[in-house]
N, C-alpha and C. Protein backbone atom coordinates (compact mmCIF):
# COMPACT_ATOMS: atom_id res chain seq x y z
N UNK A 1 0.70 -1.11 -0.07
CA UNK A 1 -0.12 0.06 -0.08
C UNK A 1 0.72 1.29 -0.25
N UNK A 2 2.12 1.21 0.61
CA UNK A 2 2.90 2.27 0.75
C UNK A 2 3.33 2.69 -0.47
N UNK A 3 3.52 1.80 -1.41
CA UNK A 3 4.26 1.88 -2.63
C UNK A 3 3.29 2.56 -3.65
N UNK A 4 1.98 2.30 -3.36
CA UNK A 4 0.82 2.93 -4.32
C UNK A 4 0.82 4.33 -3.75
N UNK A 5 0.70 4.69 -2.62
CA UNK A 5 0.66 6.17 -2.06
C UNK A 5 1.72 6.87 -2.37
N UNK A 6 3.11 6.46 -2.26
CA UNK A 6 4.33 7.08 -2.98
C UNK A 6 4.30 7.30 -4.26
N UNK A 7 3.98 6.30 -5.09
CA UNK A 7 4.34 6.36 -6.49
C UNK A 7 2.96 7.02 -7.30
N UNK A 8 1.75 7.02 -6.73
CA UNK A 8 0.70 7.52 -7.56
C UNK A 8 -0.19 8.33 -6.69
N UNK A 9 0.14 8.51 -5.38
CA UNK A 9 -0.59 9.46 -4.62
C UNK A 9 -2.10 8.89 -4.44
N UNK A 10 -2.04 7.59 -4.44
CA UNK A 10 -3.42 6.72 -4.14
C UNK A 10 -3.74 6.38 -3.01
N UNK A 11 -4.89 6.43 -2.37
CA UNK A 11 -5.14 5.82 -1.15
C UNK A 11 -5.91 4.46 -1.16
N UNK A 12 -5.23 3.51 -1.17
CA UNK A 12 -5.72 2.08 -1.37
C UNK A 12 -6.86 1.77 -0.27
N UNK A 13 -8.01 1.13 -0.71
CA UNK A 13 -9.01 0.62 0.36
C UNK A 13 -9.03 -0.74 0.52
N UNK A 14 -8.90 -1.32 1.75
CA UNK A 14 -8.75 -2.64 2.03
C UNK A 14 -10.19 -2.88 2.18
N UNK A 15 -10.74 -4.09 1.44
CA UNK A 15 -12.12 -4.57 1.73
C UNK A 15 -12.08 -5.97 2.04
N UNK A 16 -12.46 -6.36 3.46
CA UNK A 16 -12.25 -7.81 3.81
C UNK A 16 -13.23 -8.75 2.88
N UNK A 17 -12.70 -9.85 2.56
CA UNK A 17 -13.32 -10.71 1.83
C UNK A 17 -13.32 -12.13 2.41
N UNK A 18 -13.63 -13.02 1.56
CA UNK A 18 -13.74 -14.38 2.15
C UNK A 18 -13.11 -15.36 0.96
N UNK A 19 -12.72 -16.61 1.58
CA UNK A 19 -12.07 -17.66 0.69
C UNK A 19 -10.91 -17.28 -0.06
N UNK A 20 -10.10 -16.53 0.73
CA UNK A 20 -8.85 -15.93 0.04
C UNK A 20 -8.77 -15.10 -1.15
N UNK A 21 -10.00 -14.41 -1.33
CA UNK A 21 -9.89 -13.48 -2.37
C UNK A 21 -9.09 -12.35 -2.25
N UNK A 22 -8.26 -11.94 -3.40
CA UNK A 22 -7.41 -11.03 -3.38
C UNK A 22 -7.54 -10.26 -4.69
N UNK A 23 -8.43 -9.23 -4.98
CA UNK A 23 -8.70 -8.69 -6.03
C UNK A 23 -8.02 -7.06 -6.10
N UNK A 24 -7.55 -6.49 -7.11
CA UNK A 24 -7.05 -5.15 -7.15
C UNK A 24 -8.01 -4.49 -8.41
N UNK A 25 -8.44 -3.50 -7.83
CA UNK A 25 -9.50 -2.66 -9.02
C UNK A 25 -8.83 -1.42 -9.06
N UNK A 26 -8.82 -0.72 -10.43
CA UNK A 26 -8.60 0.66 -10.37
C UNK A 26 -9.61 1.30 -11.23
N UNK A 27 -10.30 2.21 -10.53
CA UNK A 27 -11.35 2.89 -11.29
C UNK A 27 -12.38 1.87 -11.63
N UNK A 28 -12.73 1.04 -10.90
CA UNK A 28 -13.78 -0.06 -11.26
C UNK A 28 -13.33 -1.12 -12.24
N UNK A 29 -12.11 -1.02 -12.59
CA UNK A 29 -11.58 -2.17 -13.63
C UNK A 29 -10.63 -3.11 -12.74
N UNK A 30 -11.00 -4.38 -12.96
CA UNK A 30 -10.07 -5.37 -12.29
C UNK A 30 -8.70 -5.45 -12.97
N UNK A 31 -7.53 -5.10 -12.26
CA UNK A 31 -6.29 -5.02 -12.69
C UNK A 31 -5.56 -6.26 -12.25
N UNK A 32 -6.04 -6.96 -11.28
CA UNK A 32 -5.37 -8.22 -10.89
C UNK A 32 -6.28 -8.97 -9.98
N UNK A 33 -6.47 -10.38 -10.35
CA UNK A 33 -7.14 -11.26 -9.70
C UNK A 33 -6.46 -12.53 -9.20
N UNK A 34 -6.25 -12.65 -7.86
CA UNK A 34 -5.64 -13.90 -7.49
C UNK A 34 -6.43 -15.10 -7.83
N UNK A 35 -7.78 -15.07 -7.74
CA UNK A 35 -8.49 -16.11 -8.32
C UNK A 35 -8.32 -16.52 -9.61
N UNK A 36 -8.15 -15.57 -10.60
CA UNK A 36 -8.13 -15.94 -11.90
C UNK A 36 -6.66 -16.32 -12.44
N UNK A 37 -5.63 -15.80 -11.75
CA UNK A 37 -4.29 -16.23 -11.67
C UNK A 37 -3.63 -17.29 -11.06
N UNK A 38 -4.40 -17.46 -10.04
CA UNK A 38 -4.03 -18.62 -9.11
C UNK A 38 -2.72 -18.41 -8.28
N UNK A 39 -2.41 -16.85 -7.97
CA UNK A 39 -1.31 -16.53 -7.27
C UNK A 39 -1.38 -15.06 -6.72
N UNK A 40 -0.70 -14.75 -5.80
CA UNK A 40 -0.62 -13.28 -5.43
C UNK A 40 0.23 -12.60 -6.27
N UNK A 41 0.13 -11.35 -6.41
CA UNK A 41 1.03 -10.47 -7.35
C UNK A 41 2.50 -10.52 -6.88
N UNK A 42 3.50 -10.52 -7.83
CA UNK A 42 4.95 -10.40 -7.44
C UNK A 42 5.02 -9.05 -6.86
N UNK A 43 6.23 -8.76 -6.30
CA UNK A 43 6.66 -7.37 -5.72
C UNK A 43 6.64 -6.44 -6.87
N UNK A 44 6.03 -5.39 -6.68
CA UNK A 44 5.97 -4.43 -7.65
C UNK A 44 4.95 -4.60 -8.93
N UNK A 45 4.45 -5.71 -8.96
CA UNK A 45 3.59 -6.02 -10.24
C UNK A 45 2.42 -5.15 -10.26
N UNK A 46 1.73 -4.86 -9.21
CA UNK A 46 0.61 -4.04 -9.15
C UNK A 46 1.18 -2.43 -9.52
N UNK A 47 2.17 -2.16 -8.97
CA UNK A 47 2.69 -0.74 -9.32
C UNK A 47 2.93 -0.79 -10.90
N UNK A 48 3.52 -1.98 -11.42
CA UNK A 48 3.93 -1.80 -12.82
C UNK A 48 2.48 -1.80 -13.72
N UNK A 49 1.53 -2.57 -13.31
CA UNK A 49 0.31 -2.59 -14.11
C UNK A 49 -0.26 -1.30 -14.15
N UNK A 50 -0.45 -0.57 -12.91
CA UNK A 50 -0.94 0.83 -12.76
C UNK A 50 -0.19 1.73 -13.62
N UNK A 51 1.22 1.82 -13.67
CA UNK A 51 1.96 2.50 -14.65
C UNK A 51 1.76 2.43 -16.00
N UNK A 52 1.52 1.14 -16.50
CA UNK A 52 1.20 0.86 -17.78
C UNK A 52 -0.23 1.44 -18.17
N UNK A 53 -1.10 1.26 -17.24
CA UNK A 53 -2.55 1.87 -17.56
C UNK A 53 -2.77 3.28 -17.53
N UNK A 54 -1.77 3.96 -16.71
CA UNK A 54 -2.09 5.31 -16.66
C UNK A 54 -0.90 6.31 -17.31
N UNK A 55 -0.07 5.67 -18.13
CA UNK A 55 0.86 6.36 -18.79
C UNK A 55 0.55 6.49 -20.40
């Protein structure tokens, strides 16, 4: 979360889920889904996805 705040001035919101759900959305668009990919994101992966979508 700190990297998102530092790199993009974003304030992430954590929403409790169930069954190991870990989804990341940016402006209502799913940019990462643990359920779809079967894994957690690699270090800096979310930052890189956001950079690619906002540049």
